[in-house]
Amino acid sequence: MRINEYNCLYEFIYEYDSGRHPSTETQPRKYMGIEFLYRGVYYRMCYEPPENEGEPRFYYVYVMHCESRGYPSADDFEVIGCYEKLNDLLNNCLIDGVPFKDVIMDDNTEILGQD
């Protein structure tokens, strides 16, 4: 049985292609970050704001270490990838040797939260 909420990669790309935008009645919401469970490990992908004005923004992918307190409390975040473009993240970030785009579409990837 499929537990993943995404039916196609386009849905994910639409929600995260440029960070958060307010939703309207006619336009689906866009997000900056997503937390998900894949093969028993918690992950977070987030479109982080720049450190200084005028600098580029980056998409980060993290492993969320939740061992001592349990999800959603993370003890630590481990960066596993940083990308300026979402397409680069989708094609080049590997989780357990699997491209991110395949992980986020896997039938068993559970979407836990979006912000």
N, C-alpha and C. Protein backbone atom coordinates (compact mmCIF):
# COMPACT_ATOMS: atom_id res chain seq x y z
N MET A 1 0.84 -1.19 0.00
CA MET A 1 0.00 0.00 0.00
C MET A 1 0.88 1.25 0.00
N ARG A 2 0.53 2.19 -0.81
CA ARG A 2 1.28 3.44 -0.92
C ARG A 2 0.92 4.38 0.23
N ILE A 3 1.96 4.88 0.96
CA ILE A 3 1.70 5.86 2.01
C ILE A 3 2.15 7.26 1.62
N ASN A 4 2.95 7.36 0.56
CA ASN A 4 3.44 8.66 0.10
C ASN A 4 2.27 9.48 -0.45
N GLU A 5 2.24 10.76 -0.09
CA GLU A 5 1.16 11.65 -0.52
C GLU A 5 1.35 12.19 -1.93
N TYR A 6 2.58 12.15 -2.46
CA TYR A 6 2.82 12.68 -3.79
C TYR A 6 2.48 11.66 -4.86
N ASN A 7 1.74 12.10 -5.87
CA ASN A 7 1.37 11.23 -6.98
C ASN A 7 2.32 11.36 -8.16
N CYS A 8 3.01 12.51 -8.23
CA CYS A 8 3.97 12.72 -9.31
C CYS A 8 5.02 13.73 -8.84
N LEU A 9 6.19 13.67 -9.45
CA LEU A 9 7.29 14.55 -9.06
C LEU A 9 6.94 16.02 -9.25
N TYR A 10 6.11 16.32 -10.23
CA TYR A 10 5.71 17.71 -10.47
C TYR A 10 5.06 18.32 -9.23
N GLU A 11 4.25 17.55 -8.51
CA GLU A 11 3.61 18.07 -7.29
C GLU A 11 4.66 18.54 -6.30
N PHE A 12 5.69 17.74 -6.09
CA PHE A 12 6.76 18.13 -5.17
C PHE A 12 7.49 19.37 -5.68
N ILE A 13 7.86 19.36 -6.95
CA ILE A 13 8.59 20.49 -7.53
C ILE A 13 7.78 21.77 -7.39
N TYR A 14 6.49 21.72 -7.66
CA TYR A 14 5.66 22.91 -7.54
C TYR A 14 5.69 23.47 -6.12
N GLU A 15 5.60 22.60 -5.13
CA GLU A 15 5.54 23.07 -3.75
C GLU A 15 6.85 23.65 -3.24
N TYR A 16 7.99 23.26 -3.83
CA TYR A 16 9.29 23.66 -3.28
C TYR A 16 10.21 24.38 -4.25
N ASP A 17 9.73 24.79 -5.41
CA ASP A 17 10.64 25.35 -6.42
C ASP A 17 11.20 26.71 -6.08
N SER A 18 10.59 27.45 -5.17
CA SER A 18 11.14 28.78 -4.86
C SER A 18 10.81 29.25 -3.46
N GLY A 19 10.60 28.32 -2.57
CA GLY A 19 10.32 28.72 -1.20
C GLY A 19 8.86 29.04 -0.98
N ARG A 20 8.55 29.52 0.21
CA ARG A 20 7.18 29.72 0.62
C ARG A 20 6.52 30.91 -0.07
N HIS A 21 5.29 30.69 -0.48
CA HIS A 21 4.41 31.74 -0.99
C HIS A 21 3.06 31.55 -0.32
N PRO A 22 2.37 32.63 -0.05
CA PRO A 22 1.04 32.46 0.54
C PRO A 22 0.11 31.75 -0.44
N SER A 23 -0.78 30.95 0.10
CA SER A 23 -1.74 30.27 -0.76
C SER A 23 -2.94 31.17 -0.99
N THR A 24 -3.63 30.90 -2.06
CA THR A 24 -4.89 31.59 -2.35
C THR A 24 -5.92 30.50 -2.59
N GLU A 25 -7.15 30.91 -2.77
CA GLU A 25 -8.21 29.94 -3.03
C GLU A 25 -7.94 29.16 -4.33
N THR A 26 -7.28 29.78 -5.28
CA THR A 26 -7.08 29.15 -6.58
C THR A 26 -5.69 28.57 -6.78
N GLN A 27 -4.80 28.78 -5.83
CA GLN A 27 -3.42 28.35 -5.99
C GLN A 27 -2.97 27.51 -4.80
N PRO A 28 -2.47 26.30 -5.05
CA PRO A 28 -1.98 25.48 -3.93
C PRO A 28 -0.82 26.14 -3.20
N ARG A 29 -0.65 25.78 -1.96
CA ARG A 29 0.38 26.36 -1.10
C ARG A 29 1.78 25.93 -1.52
N LYS A 30 2.74 26.78 -1.26
CA LYS A 30 4.15 26.46 -1.47
C LYS A 30 4.86 26.48 -0.13
N TYR A 31 5.90 25.66 0.00
CA TYR A 31 6.58 25.49 1.27
C TYR A 31 8.07 25.74 1.16
N MET A 32 8.71 25.94 2.32
CA MET A 32 10.17 26.06 2.40
C MET A 32 10.82 24.76 2.83
N GLY A 33 10.12 23.96 3.66
CA GLY A 33 10.74 22.77 4.19
C GLY A 33 9.78 21.60 4.28
N ILE A 34 10.36 20.41 4.29
CA ILE A 34 9.59 19.18 4.41
C ILE A 34 10.38 18.20 5.26
N GLU A 35 9.68 17.48 6.12
CA GLU A 35 10.29 16.41 6.90
C GLU A 35 9.64 15.11 6.48
N PHE A 36 10.46 14.07 6.34
CA PHE A 36 9.93 12.80 5.87
C PHE A 36 10.72 11.64 6.46
N LEU A 37 10.10 10.49 6.45
CA LEU A 37 10.68 9.26 6.96
C LEU A 37 10.92 8.33 5.77
N TYR A 38 12.18 7.88 5.62
CA TYR A 38 12.55 6.99 4.53
C TYR A 38 13.44 5.88 5.09
N ARG A 39 12.98 4.65 4.94
CA ARG A 39 13.72 3.48 5.42
C ARG A 39 14.12 3.60 6.89
N GLY A 40 13.21 4.13 7.69
CA GLY A 40 13.43 4.21 9.14
C GLY A 40 14.28 5.37 9.60
N VAL A 41 14.66 6.28 8.69
CA VAL A 41 15.49 7.44 9.04
C VAL A 41 14.70 8.71 8.74
N TYR A 42 14.82 9.69 9.65
CA TYR A 42 14.14 10.97 9.48
C TYR A 42 15.03 11.93 8.71
N TYR A 43 14.41 12.67 7.76
CA TYR A 43 15.14 13.63 6.93
C TYR A 43 14.37 14.94 6.89
N ARG A 44 15.11 16.00 6.60
CA ARG A 44 14.51 17.32 6.36
C ARG A 44 15.17 17.92 5.14
N MET A 45 14.35 18.48 4.24
CA MET A 45 14.83 19.26 3.11
C MET A 45 14.26 20.66 3.32
N CYS A 46 15.12 21.67 3.18
CA CYS A 46 14.66 23.04 3.42
C CYS A 46 15.37 24.01 2.50
N TYR A 47 14.60 24.96 1.99
CA TYR A 47 15.14 26.05 1.17
C TYR A 47 15.50 27.17 2.14
N GLU A 48 16.75 27.19 2.56
CA GLU A 48 17.21 28.11 3.61
C GLU A 48 17.37 29.54 3.09
N PRO A 49 17.04 30.52 3.92
CA PRO A 49 17.28 31.91 3.53
C PRO A 49 18.79 32.18 3.48
N PRO A 50 19.20 33.20 2.70
CA PRO A 50 20.63 33.51 2.64
C PRO A 50 21.13 34.06 3.96
N GLU A 51 22.42 33.87 4.21
CA GLU A 51 23.02 34.41 5.44
C GLU A 51 23.09 35.93 5.39
N ASN A 52 23.37 36.47 4.19
CA ASN A 52 23.45 37.91 4.00
C ASN A 52 22.60 38.30 2.79
N GLU A 53 22.01 39.47 2.87
CA GLU A 53 21.17 39.94 1.78
C GLU A 53 21.96 39.98 0.47
N GLY A 54 21.34 39.53 -0.59
CA GLY A 54 21.99 39.53 -1.89
C GLY A 54 22.73 38.24 -2.21
N GLU A 55 22.94 37.39 -1.22
CA GLU A 55 23.59 36.11 -1.46
C GLU A 55 22.55 35.10 -1.92
N PRO A 56 22.99 34.04 -2.60
CA PRO A 56 22.03 33.04 -3.06
C PRO A 56 21.46 32.22 -1.90
N ARG A 57 20.28 31.67 -2.14
CA ARG A 57 19.66 30.74 -1.20
C ARG A 57 20.05 29.33 -1.62
N PHE A 58 20.01 28.41 -0.68
CA PHE A 58 20.37 27.03 -0.98
C PHE A 58 19.33 26.07 -0.42
N TYR A 59 19.17 24.97 -1.11
CA TYR A 59 18.37 23.85 -0.63
C TYR A 59 19.32 22.94 0.13
N TYR A 60 18.98 22.65 1.37
CA TYR A 60 19.76 21.73 2.19
C TYR A 60 18.95 20.46 2.44
N VAL A 61 19.66 19.34 2.49
CA VAL A 61 19.06 18.07 2.88
C VAL A 61 19.81 17.61 4.12
N TYR A 62 19.04 17.27 5.15
CA TYR A 62 19.62 16.88 6.44
C TYR A 62 19.11 15.50 6.86
N VAL A 63 19.94 14.77 7.58
CA VAL A 63 19.49 13.64 8.38
C VAL A 63 19.13 14.23 9.73
N MET A 64 17.96 13.88 10.22
CA MET A 64 17.53 14.34 11.55
C MET A 64 17.84 13.22 12.53
N HIS A 65 18.73 13.49 13.47
CA HIS A 65 19.05 12.50 14.50
C HIS A 65 18.09 12.70 15.67
N CYS A 66 17.17 11.77 15.80
CA CYS A 66 16.10 11.88 16.80
C CYS A 66 16.17 10.76 17.83
N GLU A 67 17.33 10.18 18.00
CA GLU A 67 17.47 8.98 18.81
C GLU A 67 17.10 9.17 20.28
N SER A 68 17.51 10.23 20.92
CA SER A 68 17.30 10.33 22.36
C SER A 68 15.91 10.82 22.75
N ARG A 69 15.31 11.72 21.97
CA ARG A 69 14.01 12.26 22.34
C ARG A 69 12.89 11.82 21.40
N GLY A 70 13.24 11.26 20.25
CA GLY A 70 12.23 10.84 19.29
C GLY A 70 11.72 11.99 18.45
N TYR A 71 11.29 11.65 17.24
CA TYR A 71 10.72 12.65 16.33
C TYR A 71 9.44 13.18 16.95
N PRO A 72 9.17 14.47 16.88
CA PRO A 72 9.76 15.48 16.01
C PRO A 72 10.94 16.25 16.59
N SER A 73 11.36 15.93 17.79
CA SER A 73 12.52 16.59 18.38
C SER A 73 13.79 16.00 17.82
N ALA A 74 14.61 16.83 17.23
CA ALA A 74 15.88 16.37 16.68
C ALA A 74 17.00 16.75 17.63
N ASP A 75 17.86 15.77 17.91
CA ASP A 75 19.04 16.03 18.74
C ASP A 75 20.10 16.77 17.95
N ASP A 76 20.12 16.49 16.65
CA ASP A 76 21.16 17.05 15.79
C ASP A 76 20.72 16.92 14.34
N PHE A 77 21.22 17.81 13.50
CA PHE A 77 20.97 17.74 12.06
C PHE A 77 22.31 17.54 11.36
N GLU A 78 22.37 16.58 10.47
CA GLU A 78 23.59 16.30 9.71
C GLU A 78 23.34 16.65 8.24
N VAL A 79 24.10 17.60 7.72
CA VAL A 79 23.93 18.00 6.32
C VAL A 79 24.44 16.89 5.42
N ILE A 80 23.59 16.47 4.48
CA ILE A 80 24.03 15.48 3.50
C ILE A 80 24.07 16.05 2.09
N GLY A 81 23.58 17.28 1.92
CA GLY A 81 23.64 17.92 0.61
C GLY A 81 23.22 19.37 0.68
N CYS A 82 23.80 20.17 -0.22
CA CYS A 82 23.49 21.60 -0.32
C CYS A 82 23.51 21.95 -1.80
N TYR A 83 22.41 22.54 -2.30
CA TYR A 83 22.26 22.78 -3.73
C TYR A 83 21.61 24.13 -3.97
N GLU A 84 22.10 24.84 -4.97
CA GLU A 84 21.52 26.14 -5.30
C GLU A 84 20.21 26.00 -6.07
N LYS A 85 20.07 24.93 -6.83
CA LYS A 85 18.87 24.72 -7.65
C LYS A 85 18.18 23.42 -7.24
N LEU A 86 16.86 23.47 -7.23
CA LEU A 86 16.09 22.30 -6.85
C LEU A 86 16.37 21.13 -7.79
N ASN A 87 16.51 21.38 -9.07
CA ASN A 87 16.79 20.32 -10.03
C ASN A 87 18.10 19.61 -9.70
N ASP A 88 19.11 20.36 -9.27
CA ASP A 88 20.39 19.75 -8.87
C ASP A 88 20.19 18.85 -7.65
N LEU A 89 19.40 19.31 -6.70
CA LEU A 89 19.11 18.49 -5.52
C LEU A 89 18.41 17.20 -5.94
N LEU A 90 17.39 17.30 -6.77
CA LEU A 90 16.62 16.13 -7.18
C LEU A 90 17.48 15.09 -7.87
N ASN A 91 18.43 15.53 -8.68
CA ASN A 91 19.23 14.61 -9.50
C ASN A 91 20.55 14.19 -8.87
N ASN A 92 21.11 15.01 -7.99
CA ASN A 92 22.47 14.75 -7.49
C ASN A 92 22.55 14.34 -6.03
N CYS A 93 21.55 14.67 -5.24
CA CYS A 93 21.57 14.28 -3.82
C CYS A 93 21.20 12.81 -3.72
N LEU A 94 22.04 12.06 -3.02
CA LEU A 94 21.79 10.63 -2.83
C LEU A 94 21.50 10.33 -1.36
N ILE A 95 20.47 9.55 -1.14
CA ILE A 95 20.13 9.05 0.19
C ILE A 95 20.21 7.53 0.10
N ASP A 96 21.14 6.95 0.84
CA ASP A 96 21.39 5.50 0.75
C ASP A 96 21.63 5.06 -0.69
N GLY A 97 22.32 5.92 -1.48
CA GLY A 97 22.63 5.58 -2.86
C GLY A 97 21.48 5.79 -3.84
N VAL A 98 20.37 6.31 -3.36
CA VAL A 98 19.17 6.52 -4.19
C VAL A 98 19.00 8.02 -4.44
N PRO A 99 18.80 8.45 -5.70
CA PRO A 99 18.58 9.87 -5.96
C PRO A 99 17.38 10.41 -5.19
N PHE A 100 17.52 11.64 -4.70
CA PHE A 100 16.47 12.27 -3.91
C PHE A 100 15.12 12.20 -4.62
N LYS A 101 15.09 12.42 -5.94
CA LYS A 101 13.82 12.42 -6.66
C LYS A 101 13.12 11.07 -6.56
N ASP A 102 13.88 9.99 -6.46
CA ASP A 102 13.28 8.67 -6.29
C ASP A 102 12.86 8.43 -4.84
N VAL A 103 13.62 8.97 -3.91
CA VAL A 103 13.28 8.85 -2.49
C VAL A 103 11.96 9.56 -2.21
N ILE A 104 11.83 10.80 -2.69
CA ILE A 104 10.65 11.60 -2.38
C ILE A 104 9.40 11.04 -3.06
N MET A 105 9.57 10.21 -4.09
CA MET A 105 8.44 9.59 -4.77
C MET A 105 8.23 8.13 -4.37
N ASP A 106 9.11 7.57 -3.55
CA ASP A 106 8.99 6.17 -3.13
C ASP A 106 7.64 5.93 -2.45
N ASP A 107 7.01 4.82 -2.77
CA ASP A 107 5.70 4.50 -2.19
C ASP A 107 5.71 4.51 -0.68
N ASN A 108 6.84 4.17 -0.07
CA ASN A 108 6.92 4.04 1.39
C ASN A 108 7.50 5.26 2.10
N THR A 109 7.83 6.33 1.37
CA THR A 109 8.29 7.56 2.00
C THR A 109 7.08 8.24 2.65
N GLU A 110 7.20 8.49 3.95
CA GLU A 110 6.11 9.11 4.69
C GLU A 110 6.40 10.58 4.91
N ILE A 111 5.52 11.44 4.41
CA ILE A 111 5.65 12.88 4.60
C ILE A 111 5.13 13.20 6.00
N LEU A 112 5.99 13.76 6.84
CA LEU A 112 5.65 13.99 8.24
C LEU A 112 5.24 15.43 8.53
N GLY A 113 5.82 16.39 7.83
CA GLY A 113 5.50 17.78 8.07
C GLY A 113 6.01 18.68 6.98
N GLN A 114 5.34 19.79 6.79
CA GLN A 114 5.73 20.80 5.82
C GLN A 114 5.61 22.17 6.46
N ASP A 115 6.56 23.05 6.15
CA ASP A 115 6.47 24.41 6.68
C ASP A 115 6.92 25.41 5.64
